[in-house]
């Protein structure tokens, strides 16, 4: 975990900082030298937790989450995937069960069909 780049962190900021650097995205942050950006996100996040935090501050927090690939959508848009290797898989891991109703339903592609353009008649 990199060293905190800003002025002295609070205990809460230090805890959030440590938690963030345990995420898979931390590999990207470290490669790109994003320690300061992550620290600013930590500060914003801790401030947004306080009562009376403004909507603007929370909006900033959401933008920072996207920039740091902390949202699922941003993570996928960046083309990243998390894979589990055999050494990290646990015995409790099992395949997800599929709802029987969904097994019988054809895909959307199978239900769509082309029709004539009736707007030019």
PDB file of N, CA and C in Angstrom:
ATOM      1  N   UNK A   1       0.851  -1.168   0.000  1.00  0.00           N
ATOM      2  CA  UNK A   1       0.000   0.000   0.000  1.00  0.00           C
ATOM      3  C   UNK A   1       0.900   1.236   0.000  1.00  0.00           C
ATOM      4  N   UNK A   2       0.624   2.172  -0.918  1.00  0.00           N
ATOM      5  CA  UNK A   2       1.430   3.398  -0.967  1.00  0.00           C
ATOM      6  C   UNK A   2       1.233   4.264   0.273  1.00  0.00           C
ATOM      7  N   UNK A   3       2.143   5.187   0.434  1.00  0.00           N
ATOM      8  CA  UNK A   3       2.083   6.122   1.552  1.00  0.00           C
ATOM      9  C   UNK A   3       1.043   7.206   1.267  1.00  0.00           C
ATOM     10  N   UNK A   4       0.344   7.659   2.301  1.00  0.00           N
ATOM     11  CA  UNK A   4      -0.665   8.724   2.196  1.00  0.00           C
ATOM     12  C   UNK A   4       0.026  10.007   1.709  1.00  0.00           C
ATOM     13  N   UNK A   5      -0.428  10.602   0.560  1.00  0.00           N
ATOM     14  CA  UNK A   5       0.293  11.735  -0.025  1.00  0.00           C
ATOM     15  C   UNK A   5      -0.127  13.124   0.465  1.00  0.00           C
ATOM     16  N   UNK A   6      -1.171  13.238   1.253  1.00  0.00           N
ATOM     17  CA  UNK A   6      -1.671  14.539   1.690  1.00  0.00           C
ATOM     18  C   UNK A   6      -1.244  14.820   3.123  1.00  0.00           C
ATOM     19  N   UNK A   7      -1.739  15.929   3.682  1.00  0.00           N
ATOM     20  CA  UNK A   7      -1.446  16.235   5.080  1.00  0.00           C
ATOM     21  C   UNK A   7      -2.033  15.140   5.963  1.00  0.00           C
ATOM     22  N   UNK A   8      -1.662  15.108   7.209  1.00  0.00           N
ATOM     23  CA  UNK A   8      -2.004  14.024   8.139  1.00  0.00           C
ATOM     24  C   UNK A   8      -3.448  13.536   7.999  1.00  0.00           C
ATOM     25  N   UNK A   9      -3.629  12.234   7.758  1.00  0.00           N
ATOM     26  CA  UNK A   9      -4.993  11.694   7.637  1.00  0.00           C
ATOM     27  C   UNK A   9      -5.624  11.500   9.016  1.00  0.00           C
ATOM     28  N   UNK A  10      -6.953  11.581   9.040  1.00  0.00           N
ATOM     29  CA  UNK A  10      -7.677  11.234  10.253  1.00  0.00           C
ATOM     30  C   UNK A  10      -7.693   9.713  10.370  1.00  0.00           C
ATOM     31  N   UNK A  11      -8.126   9.220  11.507  1.00  0.00           N
ATOM     32  CA  UNK A  11      -8.217   7.761  11.677  1.00  0.00           C
ATOM     33  C   UNK A  11      -9.166   7.157  10.651  1.00  0.00           C
ATOM     34  N   UNK A  12     -10.291   7.838  10.415  1.00  0.00           N
ATOM     35  CA  UNK A  12     -11.266   7.334   9.438  1.00  0.00           C
ATOM     36  C   UNK A  12     -10.670   7.331   8.033  1.00  0.00           C
ATOM     37  N   UNK A  13      -9.958   8.397   7.664  1.00  0.00           N
ATOM     38  CA  UNK A  13      -9.329   8.454   6.343  1.00  0.00           C
ATOM     39  C   UNK A  13      -8.299   7.335   6.184  1.00  0.00           C
ATOM     40  N   UNK A  14      -7.536   7.073   7.224  1.00  0.00           N
ATOM     41  CA  UNK A  14      -6.537   6.001   7.161  1.00  0.00           C
ATOM     42  C   UNK A  14      -7.205   4.645   6.965  1.00  0.00           C
ATOM     43  N   UNK A  15      -8.346   4.441   7.608  1.00  0.00           N
ATOM     44  CA  UNK A  15      -9.067   3.168   7.468  1.00  0.00           C
ATOM     45  C   UNK A  15      -9.630   3.010   6.058  1.00  0.00           C
ATOM     46  N   UNK A  16     -10.221   4.069   5.517  1.00  0.00           N
ATOM     47  CA  UNK A  16     -10.772   4.015   4.151  1.00  0.00           C
ATOM     48  C   UNK A  16      -9.642   3.826   3.148  1.00  0.00           C
ATOM     49  N   UNK A  17      -8.525   4.522   3.352  1.00  0.00           N
ATOM     50  CA  UNK A  17      -7.352   4.398   2.478  1.00  0.00           C
ATOM     51  C   UNK A  17      -6.872   2.947   2.422  1.00  0.00           C
ATOM     52  N   UNK A  18      -6.730   2.316   3.578  1.00  0.00           N
ATOM     53  CA  UNK A  18      -6.266   0.925   3.630  1.00  0.00           C
ATOM     54  C   UNK A  18      -7.255  -0.003   2.940  1.00  0.00           C
ATOM     55  N   UNK A  19      -8.528   0.239   3.158  1.00  0.00           N
ATOM     56  CA  UNK A  19      -9.566  -0.594   2.537  1.00  0.00           C
ATOM     57  C   UNK A  19      -9.522  -0.482   1.013  1.00  0.00           C
ATOM     58  N   UNK A  20      -9.369   0.731   0.502  1.00  0.00           N
ATOM     59  CA  UNK A  20      -9.336   0.934  -0.946  1.00  0.00           C
ATOM     60  C   UNK A  20      -8.142   0.250  -1.597  1.00  0.00           C
ATOM     61  N   UNK A  21      -6.991   0.278  -0.938  1.00  0.00           N
ATOM     62  CA  UNK A  21      -5.795  -0.314  -1.540  1.00  0.00           C
ATOM     63  C   UNK A  21      -5.814  -1.839  -1.512  1.00  0.00           C
ATOM     64  N   UNK A  22      -6.853  -2.428  -0.917  1.00  0.00           N
ATOM     65  CA  UNK A  22      -6.987  -3.883  -0.965  1.00  0.00           C
ATOM     66  C   UNK A  22      -7.864  -4.317  -2.143  1.00  0.00           C
ATOM     67  N   UNK A  23      -8.416  -3.367  -2.869  1.00  0.00           N
ATOM     68  CA  UNK A  23      -9.293  -3.664  -4.012  1.00  0.00           C
ATOM     69  C   UNK A  23      -8.463  -3.963  -5.263  1.00  0.00           C
ATOM     70  N   UNK A  24      -9.034  -4.720  -6.192  1.00  0.00           N
ATOM     71  CA  UNK A  24      -8.319  -5.035  -7.437  1.00  0.00           C
ATOM     72  C   UNK A  24      -7.940  -3.794  -8.247  1.00  0.00           C
ATOM     73  N   UNK A  25      -8.741  -2.738  -8.161  1.00  0.00           N
ATOM     74  CA  UNK A  25      -8.463  -1.516  -8.909  1.00  0.00           C
ATOM     75  C   UNK A  25      -7.139  -0.885  -8.482  1.00  0.00           C
ATOM     76  N   UNK A  26      -6.670  -1.214  -7.287  1.00  0.00           N
ATOM     77  CA  UNK A  26      -5.434  -0.628  -6.769  1.00  0.00           C
ATOM     78  C   UNK A  26      -4.245  -0.932  -7.679  1.00  0.00           C
ATOM     79  N   UNK A  27      -4.308  -2.037  -8.390  1.00  0.00           N
ATOM     80  CA  UNK A  27      -3.229  -2.374  -9.329  1.00  0.00           C
ATOM     81  C   UNK A  27      -3.137  -1.290 -10.400  1.00  0.00           C
ATOM     82  N   UNK A  28      -4.276  -0.884 -10.925  1.00  0.00           N
ATOM     83  CA  UNK A  28      -4.319   0.156 -11.954  1.00  0.00           C
ATOM     84  C   UNK A  28      -3.852   1.486 -11.366  1.00  0.00           C
ATOM     85  N   UNK A  29      -4.349   1.828 -10.176  1.00  0.00           N
ATOM     86  CA  UNK A  29      -3.968   3.105  -9.549  1.00  0.00           C
ATOM     87  C   UNK A  29      -2.460   3.186  -9.349  1.00  0.00           C
ATOM     88  N   UNK A  30      -1.884   2.083  -8.896  1.00  0.00           N
ATOM     89  CA  UNK A  30      -0.446   2.083  -8.634  1.00  0.00           C
ATOM     90  C   UNK A  30       0.343   2.229  -9.932  1.00  0.00           C
ATOM     91  N   UNK A  31      -0.092   1.530 -10.979  1.00  0.00           N
ATOM     92  CA  UNK A  31       0.583   1.628 -12.268  1.00  0.00           C
ATOM     93  C   UNK A  31       0.510   3.042 -12.834  1.00  0.00           C
ATOM     94  N   UNK A  32      -0.602   3.731 -12.579  1.00  0.00           N
ATOM     95  CA  UNK A  32      -0.809   5.072 -13.127  1.00  0.00           C
ATOM     96  C   UNK A  32      -0.373   6.187 -12.175  1.00  0.00           C
ATOM     97  N   UNK A  33       0.102   5.830 -11.009  1.00  0.00           N
ATOM     98  CA  UNK A  33       0.526   6.842 -10.051  1.00  0.00           C
ATOM     99  C   UNK A  33      -0.627   7.699  -9.545  1.00  0.00           C
ATOM    100  N   UNK A  34      -1.742   7.074  -9.236  1.00  0.00           N
ATOM    101  CA  UNK A  34      -2.957   7.790  -8.844  1.00  0.00           C
ATOM    102  C   UNK A  34      -3.127   7.934  -7.335  1.00  0.00           C
ATOM    103  N   UNK A  35      -2.049   7.876  -6.588  1.00  0.00           N
ATOM    104  CA  UNK A  35      -2.153   7.928  -5.129  1.00  0.00           C
ATOM    105  C   UNK A  35      -2.849   9.198  -4.653  1.00  0.00           C
ATOM    106  N   UNK A  36      -2.501  10.329  -5.228  1.00  0.00           N
ATOM    107  CA  UNK A  36      -3.110  11.596  -4.809  1.00  0.00           C
ATOM    108  C   UNK A  36      -4.598  11.621  -5.147  1.00  0.00           C
ATOM    109  N   UNK A  37      -4.972  11.120  -6.315  1.00  0.00           N
ATOM    110  CA  UNK A  37      -6.381  11.080  -6.708  1.00  0.00           C
ATOM    111  C   UNK A  37      -7.172  10.188  -5.749  1.00  0.00           C
ATOM    112  N   UNK A  38      -6.597   9.062  -5.362  1.00  0.00           N
ATOM    113  CA  UNK A  38      -7.254   8.167  -4.408  1.00  0.00           C
ATOM    114  C   UNK A  38      -7.377   8.859  -3.051  1.00  0.00           C
ATOM    115  N   UNK A  39      -6.345   9.561  -2.634  1.00  0.00           N
ATOM    116  CA  UNK A  39      -6.386  10.268  -1.356  1.00  0.00           C
ATOM    117  C   UNK A  39      -7.465  11.351  -1.361  1.00  0.00           C
ATOM    118  N   UNK A  40      -7.594  12.070  -2.464  1.00  0.00           N
ATOM    119  CA  UNK A  40      -8.642  13.094  -2.565  1.00  0.00           C
ATOM    120  C   UNK A  40     -10.026  12.446  -2.524  1.00  0.00           C
ATOM    121  N   UNK A  41     -10.172  11.272  -3.153  1.00  0.00           N
ATOM    122  CA  UNK A  41     -11.436  10.539  -3.074  1.00  0.00           C
ATOM    123  C   UNK A  41     -11.724  10.150  -1.621  1.00  0.00           C
ATOM    124  N   UNK A  42     -10.703   9.688  -0.911  1.00  0.00           N
ATOM    125  CA  UNK A  42     -10.876   9.304   0.501  1.00  0.00           C
ATOM    126  C   UNK A  42     -11.367  10.509   1.302  1.00  0.00           C
ATOM    127  N   UNK A  43     -10.736  11.663   1.109  1.00  0.00           N
ATOM    128  CA  UNK A  43     -11.145  12.870   1.833  1.00  0.00           C
ATOM    129  C   UNK A  43     -12.601  13.218   1.509  1.00  0.00           C
ATOM    130  N   UNK A  44     -12.953  13.179   0.237  1.00  0.00           N
ATOM    131  CA  UNK A  44     -14.317  13.495  -0.183  1.00  0.00           C
ATOM    132  C   UNK A  44     -15.295  12.495   0.407  1.00  0.00           C
ATOM    133  N   UNK A  45     -14.936  11.225   0.380  1.00  0.00           N
ATOM    134  CA  UNK A  45     -15.797  10.160   0.892  1.00  0.00           C
ATOM    135  C   UNK A  45     -16.075  10.339   2.378  1.00  0.00           C
ATOM    136  N   UNK A  46     -15.045  10.611   3.136  1.00  0.00           N
ATOM    137  CA  UNK A  46     -15.209  10.794   4.578  1.00  0.00           C
ATOM    138  C   UNK A  46     -16.043  12.039   4.859  1.00  0.00           C
ATOM    139  N   UNK A  47     -15.810  13.098   4.102  1.00  0.00           N
ATOM    140  CA  UNK A  47     -16.588  14.321   4.285  1.00  0.00           C
ATOM    141  C   UNK A  47     -18.057  14.095   3.910  1.00  0.00           C
ATOM    142  N   UNK A  48     -18.305  13.300   2.877  1.00  0.00           N
ATOM    143  CA  UNK A  48     -19.679  13.023   2.431  1.00  0.00           C
ATOM    144  C   UNK A  48     -20.447  12.171   3.438  1.00  0.00           C
ATOM    145  N   UNK A  49     -19.735  11.482   4.322  1.00  0.00           N
ATOM    146  CA  UNK A  49     -20.388  10.667   5.352  1.00  0.00           C
ATOM    147  C   UNK A  49     -20.991  11.511   6.471  1.00  0.00           C
ATOM    148  N   UNK A  50     -20.545  12.742   6.581  1.00  0.00           N
ATOM    149  CA  UNK A  50     -20.996  13.577   7.694  1.00  0.00           C
ATOM    150  C   UNK A  50     -22.409  14.088   7.459  1.00  0.00           C
ATOM    151  N   UNK A  51     -23.175  14.278   8.540  1.00  0.00           N
ATOM    152  CA  UNK A  51     -24.514  14.859   8.391  1.00  0.00           C
ATOM    153  C   UNK A  51     -24.395  16.263   7.795  1.00  0.00           C
ATOM    154  N   UNK A  52     -25.286  16.581   6.912  1.00  0.00           N
ATOM    155  CA  UNK A  52     -25.280  17.903   6.292  1.00  0.00           C
ATOM    156  C   UNK A  52     -24.392  18.012   5.072  1.00  0.00           C
ATOM    157  N   UNK A  53     -23.838  16.915   4.608  1.00  0.00           N
ATOM    158  CA  UNK A  53     -23.019  16.964   3.390  1.00  0.00           C
ATOM    159  C   UNK A  53     -23.914  17.397   2.230  1.00  0.00           C
ATOM    160  N   UNK A  54     -23.388  18.231   1.377  1.00  0.00           N
ATOM    161  CA  UNK A  54     -24.180  18.786   0.285  1.00  0.00           C
ATOM    162  C   UNK A  54     -24.345  17.787  -0.859  1.00  0.00           C
ATOM    163  N   UNK A  55     -25.360  18.047  -1.668  1.00  0.00           N
ATOM    164  CA  UNK A  55     -25.584  17.221  -2.854  1.00  0.00           C
ATOM    165  C   UNK A  55     -24.421  17.376  -3.831  1.00  0.00           C
ATOM    166  N   UNK A  56     -23.850  18.569  -3.890  1.00  0.00           N
ATOM    167  CA  UNK A  56     -22.706  18.800  -4.781  1.00  0.00           C
ATOM    168  C   UNK A  56     -21.520  17.935  -4.372  1.00  0.00           C
ATOM    169  N   UNK A  57     -21.297  17.823  -3.069  1.00  0.00           N
ATOM    170  CA  UNK A  57     -20.195  16.995  -2.580  1.00  0.00           C
ATOM    171  C   UNK A  57     -20.436  15.531  -2.925  1.00  0.00           C
ATOM    172  N   UNK A  58     -21.659  15.090  -2.756  1.00  0.00           N
ATOM    173  CA  UNK A  58     -21.970  13.687  -3.080  1.00  0.00           C
ATOM    174  C   UNK A  58     -21.901  13.442  -4.577  1.00  0.00           C
ATOM    175  N   UNK A  59     -22.253  14.447  -5.377  1.00  0.00           N
ATOM    176  CA  UNK A  59     -22.103  14.325  -6.832  1.00  0.00           C
ATOM    177  C   UNK A  59     -20.640  14.205  -7.218  1.00  0.00           C
ATOM    178  N   UNK A  60     -19.784  14.994  -6.568  1.00  0.00           N
ATOM    179  CA  UNK A  60     -18.342  14.897  -6.790  1.00  0.00           C
ATOM    180  C   UNK A  60     -17.844  13.501  -6.433  1.00  0.00           C
ATOM    181  N   UNK A  61     -18.341  12.970  -5.335  1.00  0.00           N
ATOM    182  CA  UNK A  61     -17.946  11.634  -4.899  1.00  0.00           C
ATOM    183  C   UNK A  61     -18.282  10.588  -5.958  1.00  0.00           C
ATOM    184  N   UNK A  62     -19.460  10.682  -6.545  1.00  0.00           N
ATOM    185  CA  UNK A  62     -19.853   9.725  -7.592  1.00  0.00           C
ATOM    186  C   UNK A  62     -18.951   9.842  -8.820  1.00  0.00           C
ATOM    187  N   UNK A  63     -18.588  11.068  -9.196  1.00  0.00           N
ATOM    188  CA  UNK A  63     -17.680  11.238 -10.338  1.00  0.00           C
ATOM    189  C   UNK A  63     -16.305  10.655 -10.030  1.00  0.00           C
ATOM    190  N   UNK A  64     -15.837  10.863  -8.801  1.00  0.00           N
ATOM    191  CA  UNK A  64     -14.545  10.304  -8.411  1.00  0.00           C
ATOM    192  C   UNK A  64     -14.596   8.775  -8.420  1.00  0.00           C
ATOM    193  N   UNK A  65     -15.705   8.198  -7.965  1.00  0.00           N
ATOM    194  CA  UNK A  65     -15.839   6.736  -7.990  1.00  0.00           C
ATOM    195  C   UNK A  65     -15.730   6.211  -9.408  1.00  0.00           C
ATOM    196  N   UNK A  66     -16.356   6.887 -10.353  1.00  0.00           N
ATOM    197  CA  UNK A  66     -16.250   6.466 -11.750  1.00  0.00           C
ATOM    198  C   UNK A  66     -14.821   6.595 -12.260  1.00  0.00           C
ATOM    199  N   UNK A  67     -14.174   7.705 -11.939  1.00  0.00           N
ATOM    200  CA  UNK A  67     -12.791   7.915 -12.390  1.00  0.00           C
ATOM    201  C   UNK A  67     -11.837   6.861 -11.842  1.00  0.00           C
ATOM    202  N   UNK A  68     -12.106   6.403 -10.626  1.00  0.00           N
ATOM    203  CA  UNK A  68     -11.236   5.408  -9.984  1.00  0.00           C
ATOM    204  C   UNK A  68     -11.692   3.968 -10.241  1.00  0.00           C
ATOM    205  N   UNK A  69     -12.668   3.804 -11.124  1.00  0.00           N
ATOM    206  CA  UNK A  69     -13.185   2.481 -11.503  1.00  0.00           C
ATOM    207  C   UNK A  69     -13.814   1.752 -10.311  1.00  0.00           C
ATOM    208  N   UNK A  70     -14.400   2.504  -9.396  1.00  0.00           N
ATOM    209  CA  UNK A  70     -15.014   1.894  -8.219  1.00  0.00           C
ATOM    210  C   UNK A  70     -16.463   1.482  -8.454  1.00  0.00           C
ATOM    211  N   UNK A  71     -17.069   1.963  -9.533  1.00  0.00           N
ATOM    212  CA  UNK A  71     -18.421   1.509  -9.855  1.00  0.00           C
ATOM    213  C   UNK A  71     -18.312   0.335 -10.830  1.00  0.00           C
ATOM    214  N   UNK A  72     -19.286  -0.528 -10.780  1.00  0.00           N
ATOM    215  CA  UNK A  72     -19.279  -1.710 -11.647  1.00  0.00           C
ATOM    216  C   UNK A  72     -19.269  -1.296 -13.123  1.00  0.00           C
ATOM    217  N   UNK A  73     -20.093  -0.301 -13.466  1.00  0.00           N
ATOM    218  CA  UNK A  73     -20.176   0.135 -14.863  1.00  0.00           C
ATOM    219  C   UNK A  73     -18.838   0.690 -15.350  1.00  0.00           C
ATOM    220  N   UNK A  74     -18.184   1.511 -14.546  1.00  0.00           N
ATOM    221  CA  UNK A  74     -16.885   2.073 -14.944  1.00  0.00           C
ATOM    222  C   UNK A  74     -15.840   0.978 -15.084  1.00  0.00           C
ATOM    223  N   UNK A  75     -15.883   0.022 -14.201  1.00  0.00           N
ATOM    224  CA  UNK A  75     -14.950  -1.100 -14.238  1.00  0.00           C
ATOM    225  C   UNK A  75     -15.098  -1.868 -15.552  1.00  0.00           C
ATOM    226  N   UNK A  76     -16.343  -2.142 -15.944  1.00  0.00           N
ATOM    227  CA  UNK A  76     -16.593  -2.870 -17.189  1.00  0.00           C
ATOM    228  C   UNK A  76     -16.252  -2.031 -18.410  1.00  0.00           C
ATOM    229  N   UNK A  77     -16.586  -0.727 -18.383  1.00  0.00           N
ATOM    230  CA  UNK A  77     -16.247   0.151 -19.511  1.00  0.00           C
ATOM    231  C   UNK A  77     -14.741   0.200 -19.745  1.00  0.00           C
ATOM    232  N   UNK A  78     -13.979   0.077 -18.688  1.00  0.00           N
ATOM    233  CA  UNK A  78     -12.519   0.087 -18.814  1.00  0.00           C
ATOM    234  C   UNK A  78     -11.998  -1.230 -19.371  1.00  0.00           C
ATOM    235  N   UNK A  79     -12.881  -2.200 -19.527  1.00  0.00           N
ATOM    236  CA  UNK A  79     -12.478  -3.489 -20.079  1.00  0.00           C
ATOM    237  C   UNK A  79     -11.776  -4.385 -19.081  1.00  0.00           C
ATOM    238  N   UNK A  80     -12.021  -4.156 -17.794  1.00  0.00           N
ATOM    239  CA  UNK A  80     -11.363  -4.954 -16.766  1.00  0.00           C
ATOM    240  C   UNK A  80     -12.259  -6.089 -16.311  1.00  0.00           C
ATOM    241  N   UNK A  81     -11.635  -7.170 -15.899  1.00  0.00           N
ATOM    242  CA  UNK A  81     -12.338  -8.333 -15.350  1.00  0.00           C
ATOM    243  C   UNK A  81     -11.550  -8.844 -14.176  1.00  0.00           C
ATOM    244  N   UNK A  82     -12.274  -9.373 -13.214  1.00  0.00           N
ATOM    245  CA  UNK A  82     -11.625 -10.013 -12.082  1.00  0.00           C
ATOM    246  C   UNK A  82     -11.787 -11.509 -12.284  1.00  0.00           C
ATOM    247  N   UNK A  83     -10.686 -12.212 -12.278  1.00  0.00           N
ATOM    248  CA  UNK A  83     -10.752 -13.663 -12.424  1.00  0.00           C
ATOM    249  C   UNK A  83     -10.283 -14.307 -11.133  1.00  0.00           C
ATOM    250  N   UNK A  84     -10.800 -15.477 -10.893  1.00  0.00           N
ATOM    251  CA  UNK A  84     -10.419 -16.231  -9.708  1.00  0.00           C
ATOM    252  C   UNK A  84      -9.567 -17.403 -10.160  1.00  0.00           C
ATOM    253  N   UNK A  85      -8.372 -17.470  -9.646  1.00  0.00           N
ATOM    254  CA  UNK A  85      -7.505 -18.581  -9.992  1.00  0.00           C
ATOM    255  C   UNK A  85      -7.810 -19.756  -9.074  1.00  0.00           C
ATOM    256  N   UNK A  86      -7.369 -20.919  -9.445  1.00  0.00           N
ATOM    257  CA  UNK A  86      -7.631 -22.121  -8.644  1.00  0.00           C
ATOM    258  C   UNK A  86      -7.062 -21.983  -7.237  1.00  0.00           C
ATOM    259  N   UNK A  87      -5.970 -21.260  -7.091  1.00  0.00           N
ATOM    260  CA  UNK A  87      -5.358 -21.131  -5.767  1.00  0.00           C
ATOM    261  C   UNK A  87      -6.170 -20.250  -4.829  1.00  0.00           C
ATOM    262  N   UNK A  88      -7.041 -19.368  -5.379  1.00  0.00           N
ATOM    263  CA  UNK A  88      -7.838 -18.496  -4.520  1.00  0.00           C
ATOM    264  C   UNK A  88      -9.278 -18.960  -4.380  1.00  0.00           C
ATOM    265  N   UNK A  89      -9.689 -19.938  -5.175  1.00  0.00           N
ATOM    266  CA  UNK A  89     -11.069 -20.433  -5.090  1.00  0.00           C
ATOM    267  C   UNK A  89     -11.251 -21.237  -3.811  1.00  0.00           C
ATOM    268  N   UNK A  90     -12.440 -21.175  -3.269  1.00  0.00           N
ATOM    269  CA  UNK A  90     -12.728 -21.923  -2.046  1.00  0.00           C
ATOM    270  C   UNK A  90     -13.633 -23.096  -2.371  1.00  0.00           C
ATOM    271  N   UNK A  91     -13.681 -24.038  -1.458  1.00  0.00           N
ATOM    272  CA  UNK A  91     -14.521 -25.212  -1.661  1.00  0.00           C
ATOM    273  C   UNK A  91     -16.001 -24.859  -1.633  1.00  0.00           C
ATOM    274  N   UNK A  92     -16.348 -23.740  -1.020  1.00  0.00           N
ATOM    275  CA  UNK A  92     -17.753 -23.337  -0.918  1.00  0.00           C
ATOM    276  C   UNK A  92     -18.269 -22.702  -2.204  1.00  0.00           C
ATOM    277  N   UNK A  93     -17.396 -22.438  -3.156  1.00  0.00           N
ATOM    278  CA  UNK A  93     -17.818 -21.821  -4.401  1.00  0.00           C
ATOM    279  C   UNK A  93     -18.636 -22.819  -5.211  1.00  0.00           C
ATOM    280  N   UNK A  94     -19.780 -22.368  -5.700  1.00  0.00           N
ATOM    281  CA  UNK A  94     -20.622 -23.240  -6.518  1.00  0.00           C
ATOM    282  C   UNK A  94     -21.170 -22.447  -7.689  1.00  0.00           C
ATOM    283  N   UNK A  95     -21.615 -23.161  -8.686  1.00  0.00           N
ATOM    284  CA  UNK A  95     -22.189 -22.514  -9.856  1.00  0.00           C
ATOM    285  C   UNK A  95     -23.540 -21.923  -9.491  1.00  0.00           C
ATOM    286  N   UNK A  96     -23.887 -20.758 -10.046  1.00  0.00           N
ATOM    287  CA  UNK A  96     -25.175 -20.162  -9.734  1.00  0.00           C
ATOM    288  C   UNK A  96     -26.307 -21.005 -10.307  1.00  0.00           C
ATOM    289  N   UNK A  97     -27.411 -21.038  -9.595  1.00  0.00           N
ATOM    290  CA  UNK A  97     -28.566 -21.778 -10.088  1.00  0.00           C
ATOM    291  C   UNK A  97     -29.380 -20.871 -10.992  1.00  0.00           C
ATOM    292  N   UNK A  98     -29.981 -21.445 -12.014  1.00  0.00           N
ATOM    293  CA  UNK A  98     -30.778 -20.694 -12.975  1.00  0.00           C
ATOM    294  C   UNK A  98     -32.243 -20.968 -12.704  1.00  0.00           C
ATOM    295  N   UNK A  99     -33.026 -19.911 -12.654  1.00  0.00           N
ATOM    296  CA  UNK A  99     -34.459 -20.032 -12.446  1.00  0.00           C
ATOM    297  C   UNK A  99     -35.058 -20.842 -13.602  1.00  0.00           C
ATOM    298  N   UNK A 100     -35.860 -21.888 -13.322  1.00  0.00           N
ATOM    299  CA  UNK A 100     -36.432 -22.701 -14.394  1.00  0.00           C
ATOM    300  C   UNK A 100     -37.244 -21.893 -15.399  1.00  0.00           C
ATOM    301  N   UNK A 101     -37.919 -20.831 -14.965  1.00  0.00           N
ATOM    302  CA  UNK A 101     -38.702 -20.002 -15.887  1.00  0.00           C
ATOM    303  C   UNK A 101     -37.791 -19.330 -16.905  1.00  0.00           C
ATOM    304  N   UNK A 102     -36.621 -18.896 -16.466  1.00  0.00           N
ATOM    305  CA  UNK A 102     -35.693 -18.219 -17.369  1.00  0.00           C
ATOM    306  C   UNK A 102     -35.066 -19.193 -18.358  1.00  0.00           C
ATOM    307  N   UNK A 103     -34.964 -20.475 -17.989  1.00  0.00           N
ATOM    308  CA  UNK A 103     -34.388 -21.457 -18.897  1.00  0.00           C
ATOM    309  C   UNK A 103     -35.280 -21.650 -20.117  1.00  0.00           C
ATOM    310  N   UNK A 104     -36.592 -21.559 -19.948  1.00  0.00           N
ATOM    311  CA  UNK A 104     -37.520 -21.794 -21.054  1.00  0.00           C
ATOM    312  C   UNK A 104     -37.718 -20.569 -21.926  1.00  0.00           C
ATOM    313  N   UNK A 105     -37.443 -19.391 -21.407  1.00  0.00           N
ATOM    314  CA  UNK A 105     -37.688 -18.166 -22.149  1.00  0.00           C
ATOM    315  C   UNK A 105     -36.587 -17.959 -23.186  1.00  0.00           C
ATOM    316  N   UNK A 106     -36.967 -17.765 -24.470  1.00  0.00           N
ATOM    317  CA  UNK A 106     -35.945 -17.526 -25.484  1.00  0.00           C
ATOM    318  C   UNK A 106     -35.288 -16.164 -25.258  1.00  0.00           C
ATOM    319  N   UNK A 107     -34.123 -16.001 -25.829  1.00  0.00           N
ATOM    320  CA  UNK A 107     -33.413 -14.734 -25.682  1.00  0.00           C
ATOM    321  C   UNK A 107     -34.169 -13.637 -26.427  1.00  0.00           C
ATOM    322  N   UNK A 108     -33.861 -12.392 -26.101  1.00  0.00           N
ATOM    323  CA  UNK A 108     -34.491 -11.259 -26.778  1.00  0.00           C
ATOM    324  C   UNK A 108     -34.187 -11.304 -28.271  1.00  0.00           C
ATOM    325  N   UNK A 109     -32.970 -11.687 -28.613  1.00  0.00           N
ATOM    326  CA  UNK A 109     -32.598 -11.769 -30.026  1.00  0.00           C
ATOM    327  C   UNK A 109     -33.499 -12.771 -30.763  1.00  0.00           C
ATOM    328  N   UNK A 110     -33.829 -13.862 -30.116  1.00  0.00           N
ATOM    329  CA  UNK A 110     -34.690 -14.858 -30.728  1.00  0.00           C
ATOM    330  C   UNK A 110     -36.128 -14.392 -30.879  1.00  0.00           C
ATOM    331  N   UNK A 111     -36.557 -13.435 -30.062  1.00  0.00           N
ATOM    332  CA  UNK A 111     -37.933 -12.946 -30.138  1.00  0.00           C
ATOM    333  C   UNK A 111     -38.088 -11.773 -31.089  1.00  0.00           C
ATOM    334  N   UNK A 112     -36.997 -11.147 -31.507  1.00  0.00           N
ATOM    335  CA  UNK A 112     -37.072  -9.994 -32.396  1.00  0.00           C
ATOM    336  C   UNK A 112     -37.102 -10.437 -33.843  1.00  0.00           C
ATOM    337  N   UNK A 113     -37.790  -9.653 -34.652  1.00  0.00           N
ATOM    338  CA  UNK A 113     -37.798  -9.932 -36.082  1.00  0.00           C
ATOM    339  C   UNK A 113     -37.941  -8.624 -36.832  1.00  0.00           C
ATOM    340  N   UNK A 114     -37.481  -8.601 -38.052  1.00  0.00           N
ATOM    341  CA  UNK A 114     -37.553  -7.394 -38.872  1.00  0.00           C
ATOM    342  C   UNK A 114     -38.954  -7.299 -39.457  1.00  0.00           C
ATOM    343  N   UNK A 115     -39.479  -6.072 -39.540  1.00  0.00           N
ATOM    344  CA  UNK A 115     -40.793  -5.843 -40.160  1.00  0.00           C
ATOM    345  C   UNK A 115     -40.642  -4.749 -41.210  1.00  0.00           C
ATOM    346  N   UNK A 116     -41.584  -4.690 -42.107  1.00  0.00           N
ATOM    347  CA  UNK A 116     -41.547  -3.660 -43.163  1.00  0.00           C
ATOM    348  C   UNK A 116     -41.730  -2.292 -42.534  1.00  0.00           C
ATOM    349  N   UNK A 117     -41.163  -1.282 -43.165  1.00  0.00           N
ATOM    350  CA  UNK A 117     -41.318   0.095 -42.714  1.00  0.00           C
ATOM    351  C   UNK A 117     -42.696   0.576 -43.135  1.00  0.00           C
ATOM    352  N   UNK A 118     -43.606   0.709 -42.194  1.00  0.00           N
ATOM    353  CA  UNK A 118     -44.974   1.099 -42.501  1.00  0.00           C
ATOM    354  C   UNK A 118     -45.147   2.621 -42.425  1.00  0.00           C
ATOM    355  N   UNK A 119     -44.127   3.353 -42.053  1.00  0.00           N
ATOM    356  CA  UNK A 119     -44.218   4.801 -41.931  1.00  0.00           C
ATOM    357  C   UNK A 119     -44.188   5.518 -43.277  1.00  0.00           C
ATOM    358  N   UNK A 120     -43.707   4.895 -44.334  1.00  0.00           N
ATOM    359  CA  UNK A 120     -43.599   5.540 -45.647  1.00  0.00           C
ATOM    360  C   UNK A 120     -44.785   5.249 -46.559  1.00  0.00           C
ATOM    361  N   UNK A 121     -45.809   4.600 -46.067  1.00  0.00           N
ATOM    362  CA  UNK A 121     -46.941   4.205 -46.937  1.00  0.00           C
ATOM    363  C   UNK A 121     -47.819   5.357 -47.307  1.00  0.00           C
TER     364      UNK A 121
END
